[in-house]
Protein backbone atom coordinates (compact mmCIF):
# COMPACT_ATOMS: atom_id res chain seq x y z
CA MET A 1 5.86 -8.86 -1.43
CA SER A 2 1.91 -9.45 -1.03
CA ALA A 3 1.19 -5.74 -0.16
CA THR A 4 3.22 -4.75 -3.48
CA LYS A 5 1.34 -7.45 -5.49
CA ASP A 6 -2.27 -6.30 -4.55
CA LEU A 7 -1.32 -2.84 -5.05
CA LEU A 8 -0.26 -3.24 -8.42
CA PHE A 9 -2.79 -6.30 -9.09
CA HIS A 10 -5.48 -4.22 -8.56
CA TYR A 11 -4.37 -0.42 -8.76
CA GLN A 12 -2.27 -0.50 -11.67
CA HIS A 13 -3.73 2.52 -13.52
CA VAL A 14 -3.83 4.95 -11.01
CA ILE A 15 0.50 4.52 -9.80
CA ASP A 16 2.37 6.33 -11.37
CA GLU A 17 5.71 5.28 -9.26
CA LEU A 18 6.05 2.29 -6.50
CA ARG A 19 9.47 2.16 -4.63
CA LEU A 20 10.52 -0.84 -2.51
CA VAL A 21 13.33 1.00 -0.42
CA PRO A 22 15.35 -1.70 2.05
CA GLY A 23 15.24 -0.75 5.63
CA ASP A 24 16.97 -2.56 8.54
CA LYS A 25 15.46 -3.98 11.45
CA GLY A 26 12.21 -5.61 9.90
CA VAL A 27 11.19 -1.84 9.02
CA PHE A 28 7.04 -1.75 7.11
CA ASP A 29 6.44 1.50 6.16
CA VAL A 30 3.87 2.21 3.21
CA VAL A 31 3.96 6.15 2.18
CA VAL A 32 1.16 7.39 -0.62
CA ASP A 33 1.71 10.91 -1.76
CA GLY A 34 3.90 11.89 1.81
CA ASP A 35 1.58 10.57 3.70
CA LEU A 36 1.97 7.16 6.44
CA ILE A 37 -0.83 4.95 5.95
CA TYR A 38 0.73 2.24 7.59
CA SER A 39 3.66 1.08 9.59
CA LYS A 40 5.21 -2.07 10.99
CA HIS A 41 6.79 -0.08 13.67
CA ALA A 42 3.56 1.87 14.87
CA MET A 43 1.37 -0.85 14.98
CA GLY A 44 4.33 -3.22 16.20
CA ARG A 45 3.08 -6.04 14.06
CA HIS A 46 3.09 -6.96 9.89
CA ALA A 47 -0.20 -6.07 7.98
CA LYS A 48 -2.80 -8.30 7.73
CA PRO A 49 -3.51 -9.92 4.43
CA GLY A 50 -5.40 -7.18 2.55
CA GLU A 51 -4.80 -4.35 5.05
CA VAL A 52 -2.57 -2.33 2.91
CA LEU A 53 -4.47 -2.20 0.36
CA GLU A 54 -7.77 -1.51 2.29
CA LEU A 55 -5.61 1.71 3.63
CA PHE A 56 -4.74 2.42 0.38
CA ARG A 57 -8.59 2.65 -1.40
CA THR A 58 -9.50 5.00 1.74
CA ARG A 59 -6.92 7.39 -0.57
CA LEU A 60 -8.46 6.78 -4.21
CA GLU A 61 -11.53 8.76 -4.98
CA PRO A 62 -15.08 7.76 -4.49
CA GLY A 63 -16.04 5.75 -7.50
CA MET A 64 -12.06 4.65 -8.58
CA ARG A 65 -12.69 1.32 -10.57
CA GLU A 66 -10.17 -1.54 -9.88
CA TYR A 67 -8.10 -2.15 -12.85
CA GLY A 68 -9.79 -3.84 -15.80
CA THR A 69 -13.40 -3.42 -14.11
């Protein structure tokens, strides 16, 4: 849940929709605009703290500010 919290805390102003879809066998995939940016299965591990947030940031337009700044 920390990935969700990170994304909404920092970029709630640019996220139109965020869905959590339960999966089986510990599936954890993060998809942005139809592109897979993180997969626990492919990486063979849980995301490190802040990792999903950093991957999300790479998808933003240069200069995109965080919420409240």
